[in-house]
């Protein structure tokens, strides 16, 4: 599954943590440093597995399975907040 940022979503990063604002400004989400890395990677459409592979080298103490679960969970939260969309 490839996902990307939904058009119209704005973000601001301060001290390594992003604040995401939905296109209708009804949804505002503050994300931690790891979520910010995921969000930044979604500047272009990404396959979930490719995203995990890209981020895996960033964390010394996190295995691929754990990171994959965390990324999928975060993407699910972003999808529920209508901040990302799936593409073909």
PDB file of N, CA and C in Angstrom:
ATOM      1  N   UNK A   1       0.836  -1.165   0.000  1.00  0.00           N
ATOM      2  CA  UNK A   1       0.000   0.000   0.000  1.00  0.00           C
ATOM      3  C   UNK A   1       0.888   1.239   0.000  1.00  0.00           C
ATOM      4  N   UNK A   2       0.663   2.122  -0.958  1.00  0.00           N
ATOM      5  CA  UNK A   2       1.390   3.391  -1.000  1.00  0.00           C
ATOM      6  C   UNK A   2       0.507   4.470  -0.418  1.00  0.00           C
ATOM      7  N   UNK A   3       1.126   5.319   0.372  1.00  0.00           N
ATOM      8  CA  UNK A   3       0.396   6.416   0.997  1.00  0.00           C
ATOM      9  C   UNK A   3       1.148   7.713   0.762  1.00  0.00           C
ATOM     10  N   UNK A   4       0.411   8.798   0.880  1.00  0.00           N
ATOM     11  CA  UNK A   4       1.021  10.120   0.779  1.00  0.00           C
ATOM     12  C   UNK A   4       0.238  11.086   1.652  1.00  0.00           C
ATOM     13  N   UNK A   5       0.854  12.242   1.860  1.00  0.00           N
ATOM     14  CA  UNK A   5       0.152  13.298   2.582  1.00  0.00           C
ATOM     15  C   UNK A   5      -1.062  13.719   1.775  1.00  0.00           C
ATOM     16  N   UNK A   6      -2.125  13.987   2.446  1.00  0.00           N
ATOM     17  CA  UNK A   6      -3.320  14.458   1.762  1.00  0.00           C
ATOM     18  C   UNK A   6      -3.105  15.927   1.365  1.00  0.00           C
ATOM     19  N   UNK A   7      -3.478  16.283   0.144  1.00  0.00           N
ATOM     20  CA  UNK A   7      -3.323  17.684  -0.265  1.00  0.00           C
ATOM     21  C   UNK A   7      -4.052  18.621   0.697  1.00  0.00           C
ATOM     22  N   UNK A   8      -3.412  19.732   0.986  1.00  0.00           N
ATOM     23  CA  UNK A   8      -4.021  20.720   1.872  1.00  0.00           C
ATOM     24  C   UNK A   8      -3.631  20.588   3.328  1.00  0.00           C
ATOM     25  N   UNK A   9      -2.951  19.493   3.690  1.00  0.00           N
ATOM     26  CA  UNK A   9      -2.489  19.332   5.069  1.00  0.00           C
ATOM     27  C   UNK A   9      -1.241  20.194   5.235  1.00  0.00           C
ATOM     28  N   UNK A  10      -1.218  20.971   6.286  1.00  0.00           N
ATOM     29  CA  UNK A  10      -0.035  21.774   6.575  1.00  0.00           C
ATOM     30  C   UNK A  10       0.649  21.230   7.818  1.00  0.00           C
ATOM     31  N   UNK A  11       1.925  21.528   7.908  1.00  0.00           N
ATOM     32  CA  UNK A  11       2.670  21.069   9.081  1.00  0.00           C
ATOM     33  C   UNK A  11       3.732  22.088   9.430  1.00  0.00           C
ATOM     34  N   UNK A  12       4.064  22.091  10.685  1.00  0.00           N
ATOM     35  CA  UNK A  12       5.116  22.959  11.210  1.00  0.00           C
ATOM     36  C   UNK A  12       5.957  22.109  12.149  1.00  0.00           C
ATOM     37  N   UNK A  13       7.264  22.141  11.969  1.00  0.00           N
ATOM     38  CA  UNK A  13       8.158  21.374  12.826  1.00  0.00           C
ATOM     39  C   UNK A  13       8.941  22.326  13.717  1.00  0.00           C
ATOM     40  N   UNK A  14       8.865  22.069  15.025  1.00  0.00           N
ATOM     41  CA  UNK A  14       9.571  22.867  16.009  1.00  0.00           C
ATOM     42  C   UNK A  14      10.311  21.919  16.940  1.00  0.00           C
ATOM     43  N   UNK A  15      11.599  22.127  17.076  1.00  0.00           N
ATOM     44  CA  UNK A  15      12.422  21.281  17.942  1.00  0.00           C
ATOM     45  C   UNK A  15      12.273  19.807  17.618  1.00  0.00           C
ATOM     46  N   UNK A  16      12.189  19.473  16.331  1.00  0.00           N
ATOM     47  CA  UNK A  16      12.150  18.080  15.898  1.00  0.00           C
ATOM     48  C   UNK A  16      10.796  17.401  16.012  1.00  0.00           C
ATOM     49  N   UNK A  17       9.765  18.135  16.396  1.00  0.00           N
ATOM     50  CA  UNK A  17       8.429  17.559  16.513  1.00  0.00           C
ATOM     51  C   UNK A  17       7.455  18.368  15.667  1.00  0.00           C
ATOM     52  N   UNK A  18       6.598  17.660  14.934  1.00  0.00           N
ATOM     53  CA  UNK A  18       5.695  18.312  13.990  1.00  0.00           C
ATOM     54  C   UNK A  18       4.296  18.476  14.568  1.00  0.00           C
ATOM     55  N   UNK A  19       3.636  19.509  14.107  1.00  0.00           N
ATOM     56  CA  UNK A  19       2.215  19.724  14.347  1.00  0.00           C
ATOM     57  C   UNK A  19       1.561  19.663  12.976  1.00  0.00           C
ATOM     58  N   UNK A  20       0.573  18.784  12.825  1.00  0.00           N
ATOM     59  CA  UNK A  20      -0.110  18.575  11.554  1.00  0.00           C
ATOM     60  C   UNK A  20      -1.506  19.167  11.642  1.00  0.00           C
ATOM     61  N   UNK A  21      -1.881  19.915  10.608  1.00  0.00           N
ATOM     62  CA  UNK A  21      -3.187  20.565  10.588  1.00  0.00           C
ATOM     63  C   UNK A  21      -3.914  20.140   9.325  1.00  0.00           C
ATOM     64  N   UNK A  22      -5.090  19.529   9.511  1.00  0.00           N
ATOM     65  CA  UNK A  22      -5.882  19.045   8.391  1.00  0.00           C
ATOM     66  C   UNK A  22      -6.354  20.171   7.500  1.00  0.00           C
ATOM     67  N   UNK A  23      -6.752  19.835   6.276  1.00  0.00           N
ATOM     68  CA  UNK A  23      -7.166  20.845   5.305  1.00  0.00           C
ATOM     69  C   UNK A  23      -8.326  21.718   5.774  1.00  0.00           C
ATOM     70  N   UNK A  24      -9.210  21.171   6.580  1.00  0.00           N
ATOM     71  CA  UNK A  24     -10.352  21.949   7.064  1.00  0.00           C
ATOM     72  C   UNK A  24     -10.086  22.540   8.447  1.00  0.00           C
ATOM     73  N   UNK A  25      -8.860  22.376   8.939  1.00  0.00           N
ATOM     74  CA  UNK A  25      -8.411  22.884  10.240  1.00  0.00           C
ATOM     75  C   UNK A  25      -9.211  22.312  11.412  1.00  0.00           C
ATOM     76  N   UNK A  26      -9.952  21.236  11.181  1.00  0.00           N
ATOM     77  CA  UNK A  26     -10.688  20.593  12.273  1.00  0.00           C
ATOM     78  C   UNK A  26      -9.805  19.618  13.028  1.00  0.00           C
ATOM     79  N   UNK A  27      -8.766  19.132  12.375  1.00  0.00           N
ATOM     80  CA  UNK A  27      -7.892  18.125  12.979  1.00  0.00           C
ATOM     81  C   UNK A  27      -6.502  18.707  13.148  1.00  0.00           C
ATOM     82  N   UNK A  28      -6.011  18.733  14.378  1.00  0.00           N
ATOM     83  CA  UNK A  28      -4.660  19.181  14.683  1.00  0.00           C
ATOM     84  C   UNK A  28      -4.007  18.082  15.508  1.00  0.00           C
ATOM     85  N   UNK A  29      -2.856  17.614  15.047  1.00  0.00           N
ATOM     86  CA  UNK A  29      -2.170  16.524  15.736  1.00  0.00           C
ATOM     87  C   UNK A  29      -0.720  16.919  15.961  1.00  0.00           C
ATOM     88  N   UNK A  30      -0.249  16.767  17.183  1.00  0.00           N
ATOM     89  CA  UNK A  30       1.163  16.953  17.497  1.00  0.00           C
ATOM     90  C   UNK A  30       1.796  15.570  17.514  1.00  0.00           C
ATOM     91  N   UNK A  31       2.922  15.423  16.840  1.00  0.00           N
ATOM     92  CA  UNK A  31       3.583  14.124  16.776  1.00  0.00           C
ATOM     93  C   UNK A  31       4.996  14.221  17.335  1.00  0.00           C
ATOM     94  N   UNK A  32       5.468  13.101  17.872  1.00  0.00           N
ATOM     95  CA  UNK A  32       6.807  13.058  18.449  1.00  0.00           C
ATOM     96  C   UNK A  32       7.862  13.001  17.343  1.00  0.00           C
ATOM     97  N   UNK A  33       9.108  12.886  17.742  1.00  0.00           N
ATOM     98  CA  UNK A  33      10.216  12.907  16.786  1.00  0.00           C
ATOM     99  C   UNK A  33      10.133  11.762  15.782  1.00  0.00           C
ATOM    100  N   UNK A  34       9.732  10.573  16.229  1.00  0.00           N
ATOM    101  CA  UNK A  34       9.621   9.427  15.313  1.00  0.00           C
ATOM    102  C   UNK A  34       8.490   9.664  14.319  1.00  0.00           C
ATOM    103  N   UNK A  35       7.342  10.122  14.804  1.00  0.00           N
ATOM    104  CA  UNK A  35       6.237  10.446  13.917  1.00  0.00           C
ATOM    105  C   UNK A  35       6.613  11.527  12.921  1.00  0.00           C
ATOM    106  N   UNK A  36       7.436  12.467  13.356  1.00  0.00           N
ATOM    107  CA  UNK A  36       7.899  13.522  12.465  1.00  0.00           C
ATOM    108  C   UNK A  36       8.751  12.948  11.347  1.00  0.00           C
ATOM    109  N   UNK A  37       9.597  11.970  11.652  1.00  0.00           N
ATOM    110  CA  UNK A  37      10.395  11.319  10.609  1.00  0.00           C
ATOM    111  C   UNK A  37       9.504  10.636   9.581  1.00  0.00           C
ATOM    112  N   UNK A  38       8.455   9.975  10.063  1.00  0.00           N
ATOM    113  CA  UNK A  38       7.511   9.321   9.158  1.00  0.00           C
ATOM    114  C   UNK A  38       6.816  10.377   8.306  1.00  0.00           C
ATOM    115  N   UNK A  39       6.343  11.430   8.932  1.00  0.00           N
ATOM    116  CA  UNK A  39       5.646  12.487   8.199  1.00  0.00           C
ATOM    117  C   UNK A  39       6.548  13.095   7.126  1.00  0.00           C
ATOM    118  N   UNK A  40       7.783  13.379   7.480  1.00  0.00           N
ATOM    119  CA  UNK A  40       8.718  13.953   6.514  1.00  0.00           C
ATOM    120  C   UNK A  40       8.955  13.002   5.344  1.00  0.00           C
ATOM    121  N   UNK A  41       9.026  11.712   5.623  1.00  0.00           N
ATOM    122  CA  UNK A  41       9.227  10.728   4.561  1.00  0.00           C
ATOM    123  C   UNK A  41       8.036  10.670   3.614  1.00  0.00           C
ATOM    124  N   UNK A  42       6.868  11.057   4.107  1.00  0.00           N
ATOM    125  CA  UNK A  42       5.662  11.027   3.280  1.00  0.00           C
ATOM    126  C   UNK A  42       5.528  12.262   2.383  1.00  0.00           C
ATOM    127  N   UNK A  43       6.586  13.044   2.272  1.00  0.00           N
ATOM    128  CA  UNK A  43       6.576  14.184   1.353  1.00  0.00           C
ATOM    129  C   UNK A  43       6.380  13.689  -0.077  1.00  0.00           C
ATOM    130  N   UNK A  44       6.792  12.443  -0.318  1.00  0.00           N
ATOM    131  CA  UNK A  44       6.498  11.787  -1.596  1.00  0.00           C
ATOM    132  C   UNK A  44       5.817  10.459  -1.280  1.00  0.00           C
ATOM    133  N   UNK A  45       5.011   9.945  -2.203  1.00  0.00           N
ATOM    134  CA  UNK A  45       4.293   8.689  -1.926  1.00  0.00           C
ATOM    135  C   UNK A  45       5.257   7.564  -1.551  1.00  0.00           C
ATOM    136  N   UNK A  46       4.860   6.788  -0.558  1.00  0.00           N
ATOM    137  CA  UNK A  46       5.707   5.706  -0.057  1.00  0.00           C
ATOM    138  C   UNK A  46       4.919   4.437   0.138  1.00  0.00           C
ATOM    139  N   UNK A  47       5.548   3.342  -0.150  1.00  0.00           N
ATOM    140  CA  UNK A  47       5.040   2.034   0.220  1.00  0.00           C
ATOM    141  C   UNK A  47       5.404   1.836   1.688  1.00  0.00           C
ATOM    142  N   UNK A  48       4.508   1.245   2.439  1.00  0.00           N
ATOM    143  CA  UNK A  48       4.737   1.076   3.873  1.00  0.00           C
ATOM    144  C   UNK A  48       6.030   0.320   4.154  1.00  0.00           C
ATOM    145  N   UNK A  49       6.288  -0.757   3.440  1.00  0.00           N
ATOM    146  CA  UNK A  49       7.507  -1.534   3.678  1.00  0.00           C
ATOM    147  C   UNK A  49       8.761  -0.738   3.336  1.00  0.00           C
ATOM    148  N   UNK A  50       8.714   0.035   2.263  1.00  0.00           N
ATOM    149  CA  UNK A  50       9.856   0.881   1.907  1.00  0.00           C
ATOM    150  C   UNK A  50      10.105   1.938   2.970  1.00  0.00           C
ATOM    151  N   UNK A  51       9.037   2.476   3.511  1.00  0.00           N
ATOM    152  CA  UNK A  51       9.148   3.466   4.571  1.00  0.00           C
ATOM    153  C   UNK A  51       9.820   2.853   5.800  1.00  0.00           C
ATOM    154  N   UNK A  52       9.401   1.661   6.164  1.00  0.00           N
ATOM    155  CA  UNK A  52      10.007   0.968   7.306  1.00  0.00           C
ATOM    156  C   UNK A  52      11.482   0.708   7.038  1.00  0.00           C
ATOM    157  N   UNK A  53      11.813   0.225   5.849  1.00  0.00           N
ATOM    158  CA  UNK A  53      13.212  -0.043   5.509  1.00  0.00           C
ATOM    159  C   UNK A  53      14.057   1.221   5.592  1.00  0.00           C
ATOM    160  N   UNK A  54      13.483   2.323   5.122  1.00  0.00           N
ATOM    161  CA  UNK A  54      14.207   3.596   5.153  1.00  0.00           C
ATOM    162  C   UNK A  54      14.484   4.055   6.580  1.00  0.00           C
ATOM    163  N   UNK A  55      13.522   3.873   7.460  1.00  0.00           N
ATOM    164  CA  UNK A  55      13.654   4.350   8.835  1.00  0.00           C
ATOM    165  C   UNK A  55      14.414   3.396   9.749  1.00  0.00           C
ATOM    166  N   UNK A  56      14.516   2.137   9.348  1.00  0.00           N
ATOM    167  CA  UNK A  56      15.105   1.112  10.216  1.00  0.00           C
ATOM    168  C   UNK A  56      16.519   1.467  10.661  1.00  0.00           C
ATOM    169  N   UNK A  57      17.324   1.995   9.786  1.00  0.00           N
ATOM    170  CA  UNK A  57      18.698   2.347  10.132  1.00  0.00           C
ATOM    171  C   UNK A  57      18.807   3.503  11.101  1.00  0.00           C
ATOM    172  N   UNK A  58      17.716   4.210  11.317  1.00  0.00           N
ATOM    173  CA  UNK A  58      17.713   5.364  12.210  1.00  0.00           C
ATOM    174  C   UNK A  58      17.713   4.947  13.676  1.00  0.00           C
ATOM    175  N   UNK A  59      17.211   3.747  13.950  1.00  0.00           N
ATOM    176  CA  UNK A  59      17.036   3.294  15.335  1.00  0.00           C
ATOM    177  C   UNK A  59      17.889   2.057  15.598  1.00  0.00           C
ATOM    178  N   UNK A  60      18.788   2.148  16.570  1.00  0.00           N
ATOM    179  CA  UNK A  60      19.682   1.034  16.884  1.00  0.00           C
ATOM    180  C   UNK A  60      18.985  -0.078  17.657  1.00  0.00           C
ATOM    181  N   UNK A  61      18.006   0.266  18.472  1.00  0.00           N
ATOM    182  CA  UNK A  61      17.427  -0.702  19.399  1.00  0.00           C
ATOM    183  C   UNK A  61      16.016  -1.153  19.023  1.00  0.00           C
ATOM    184  N   UNK A  62      15.630  -0.953  17.759  1.00  0.00           N
ATOM    185  CA  UNK A  62      14.290  -1.334  17.315  1.00  0.00           C
ATOM    186  C   UNK A  62      14.409  -2.306  16.148  1.00  0.00           C
ATOM    187  N   UNK A  63      13.755  -3.447  16.278  1.00  0.00           N
ATOM    188  CA  UNK A  63      13.757  -4.438  15.207  1.00  0.00           C
ATOM    189  C   UNK A  63      12.752  -4.078  14.124  1.00  0.00           C
ATOM    190  N   UNK A  64      12.891  -4.718  12.983  1.00  0.00           N
ATOM    191  CA  UNK A  64      12.025  -4.425  11.843  1.00  0.00           C
ATOM    192  C   UNK A  64      10.552  -4.682  12.165  1.00  0.00           C
ATOM    193  N   UNK A  65      10.248  -5.804  12.811  1.00  0.00           N
ATOM    194  CA  UNK A  65       8.852  -6.131  13.123  1.00  0.00           C
ATOM    195  C   UNK A  65       8.213  -5.077  14.026  1.00  0.00           C
ATOM    196  N   UNK A  66       8.946  -4.670  15.042  1.00  0.00           N
ATOM    197  CA  UNK A  66       8.425  -3.656  15.967  1.00  0.00           C
ATOM    198  C   UNK A  66       8.220  -2.324  15.246  1.00  0.00           C
ATOM    199  N   UNK A  67       9.196  -1.925  14.441  1.00  0.00           N
ATOM    200  CA  UNK A  67       9.078  -0.674  13.709  1.00  0.00           C
ATOM    201  C   UNK A  67       7.918  -0.728  12.717  1.00  0.00           C
ATOM    202  N   UNK A  68       7.753  -1.868  12.062  1.00  0.00           N
ATOM    203  CA  UNK A  68       6.664  -2.018  11.105  1.00  0.00           C
ATOM    204  C   UNK A  68       5.305  -1.866  11.807  1.00  0.00           C
ATOM    205  N   UNK A  69       5.152  -2.483  12.971  1.00  0.00           N
ATOM    206  CA  UNK A  69       3.908  -2.349  13.743  1.00  0.00           C
ATOM    207  C   UNK A  69       3.656  -0.883  14.117  1.00  0.00           C
ATOM    208  N   UNK A  70       4.720  -0.221  14.589  1.00  0.00           N
ATOM    209  CA  UNK A  70       4.582   1.174  15.012  1.00  0.00           C
ATOM    210  C   UNK A  70       4.238   2.085  13.836  1.00  0.00           C
ATOM    211  N   UNK A  71       4.908   1.887  12.707  1.00  0.00           N
ATOM    212  CA  UNK A  71       4.641   2.720  11.534  1.00  0.00           C
ATOM    213  C   UNK A  71       3.222   2.481  11.035  1.00  0.00           C
ATOM    214  N   UNK A  72       2.811   1.233  10.954  1.00  0.00           N
ATOM    215  CA  UNK A  72       1.446   0.935  10.498  1.00  0.00           C
ATOM    216  C   UNK A  72       0.405   1.536  11.445  1.00  0.00           C
ATOM    217  N   UNK A  73       0.674   1.464  12.741  1.00  0.00           N
ATOM    218  CA  UNK A  73      -0.237   2.065  13.718  1.00  0.00           C
ATOM    219  C   UNK A  73      -0.325   3.574  13.556  1.00  0.00           C
ATOM    220  N   UNK A  74       0.820   4.209  13.344  1.00  0.00           N
ATOM    221  CA  UNK A  74       0.840   5.657  13.154  1.00  0.00           C
ATOM    222  C   UNK A  74       0.129   6.044  11.862  1.00  0.00           C
ATOM    223  N   UNK A  75       0.375   5.288  10.792  1.00  0.00           N
ATOM    224  CA  UNK A  75      -0.311   5.569   9.529  1.00  0.00           C
ATOM    225  C   UNK A  75      -1.816   5.411   9.678  1.00  0.00           C
ATOM    226  N   UNK A  76      -2.231   4.447  10.475  1.00  0.00           N
ATOM    227  CA  UNK A  76      -3.661   4.253  10.733  1.00  0.00           C
ATOM    228  C   UNK A  76      -4.249   5.482  11.437  1.00  0.00           C
ATOM    229  N   UNK A  77      -3.515   6.024  12.406  1.00  0.00           N
ATOM    230  CA  UNK A  77      -3.967   7.232  13.096  1.00  0.00           C
ATOM    231  C   UNK A  77      -4.064   8.406  12.128  1.00  0.00           C
ATOM    232  N   UNK A  78      -3.066   8.538  11.251  1.00  0.00           N
ATOM    233  CA  UNK A  78      -3.090   9.627  10.271  1.00  0.00           C
ATOM    234  C   UNK A  78      -4.252   9.462   9.295  1.00  0.00           C
ATOM    235  N   UNK A  79      -4.530   8.214   8.919  1.00  0.00           N
ATOM    236  CA  UNK A  79      -5.644   7.938   8.003  1.00  0.00           C
ATOM    237  C   UNK A  79      -6.972   8.294   8.671  1.00  0.00           C
ATOM    238  N   UNK A  80      -7.135   7.908   9.930  1.00  0.00           N
ATOM    239  CA  UNK A  80      -8.369   8.209  10.670  1.00  0.00           C
ATOM    240  C   UNK A  80      -8.564   9.726  10.819  1.00  0.00           C
ATOM    241  N   UNK A  81      -7.456  10.453  10.936  1.00  0.00           N
ATOM    242  CA  UNK A  81      -7.524  11.901  11.062  1.00  0.00           C
ATOM    243  C   UNK A  81      -7.648  12.588   9.695  1.00  0.00           C
ATOM    244  N   UNK A  82      -7.690  11.780   8.628  1.00  0.00           N
ATOM    245  CA  UNK A  82      -7.842  12.266   7.257  1.00  0.00           C
ATOM    246  C   UNK A  82      -6.663  13.141   6.825  1.00  0.00           C
ATOM    247  N   UNK A  83      -5.455  12.764   7.265  1.00  0.00           N
ATOM    248  CA  UNK A  83      -4.252  13.515   6.926  1.00  0.00           C
ATOM    249  C   UNK A  83      -3.421  12.851   5.830  1.00  0.00           C
ATOM    250  N   UNK A  84      -3.674  11.569   5.555  1.00  0.00           N
ATOM    251  CA  UNK A  84      -2.997  10.875   4.471  1.00  0.00           C
ATOM    252  C   UNK A  84      -4.034  10.141   3.626  1.00  0.00           C
ATOM    253  N   UNK A  85      -3.596   9.720   2.453  1.00  0.00           N
ATOM    254  CA  UNK A  85      -4.480   8.956   1.582  1.00  0.00           C
ATOM    255  C   UNK A  85      -3.689   7.862   0.882  1.00  0.00           C
ATOM    256  N   UNK A  86      -4.383   6.777   0.558  1.00  0.00           N
ATOM    257  CA  UNK A  86      -3.785   5.679  -0.181  1.00  0.00           C
ATOM    258  C   UNK A  86      -3.867   5.994  -1.663  1.00  0.00           C
ATOM    259  N   UNK A  87      -2.842   5.587  -2.391  1.00  0.00           N
ATOM    260  CA  UNK A  87      -2.820   5.781  -3.835  1.00  0.00           C
ATOM    261  C   UNK A  87      -2.394   4.485  -4.494  1.00  0.00           C
ATOM    262  N   UNK A  88      -2.671   4.365  -5.786  1.00  0.00           N
ATOM    263  CA  UNK A  88      -2.277   3.169  -6.547  1.00  0.00           C
ATOM    264  C   UNK A  88      -0.840   3.262  -6.974  1.00  0.00           C
TER     265      UNK A  88
END
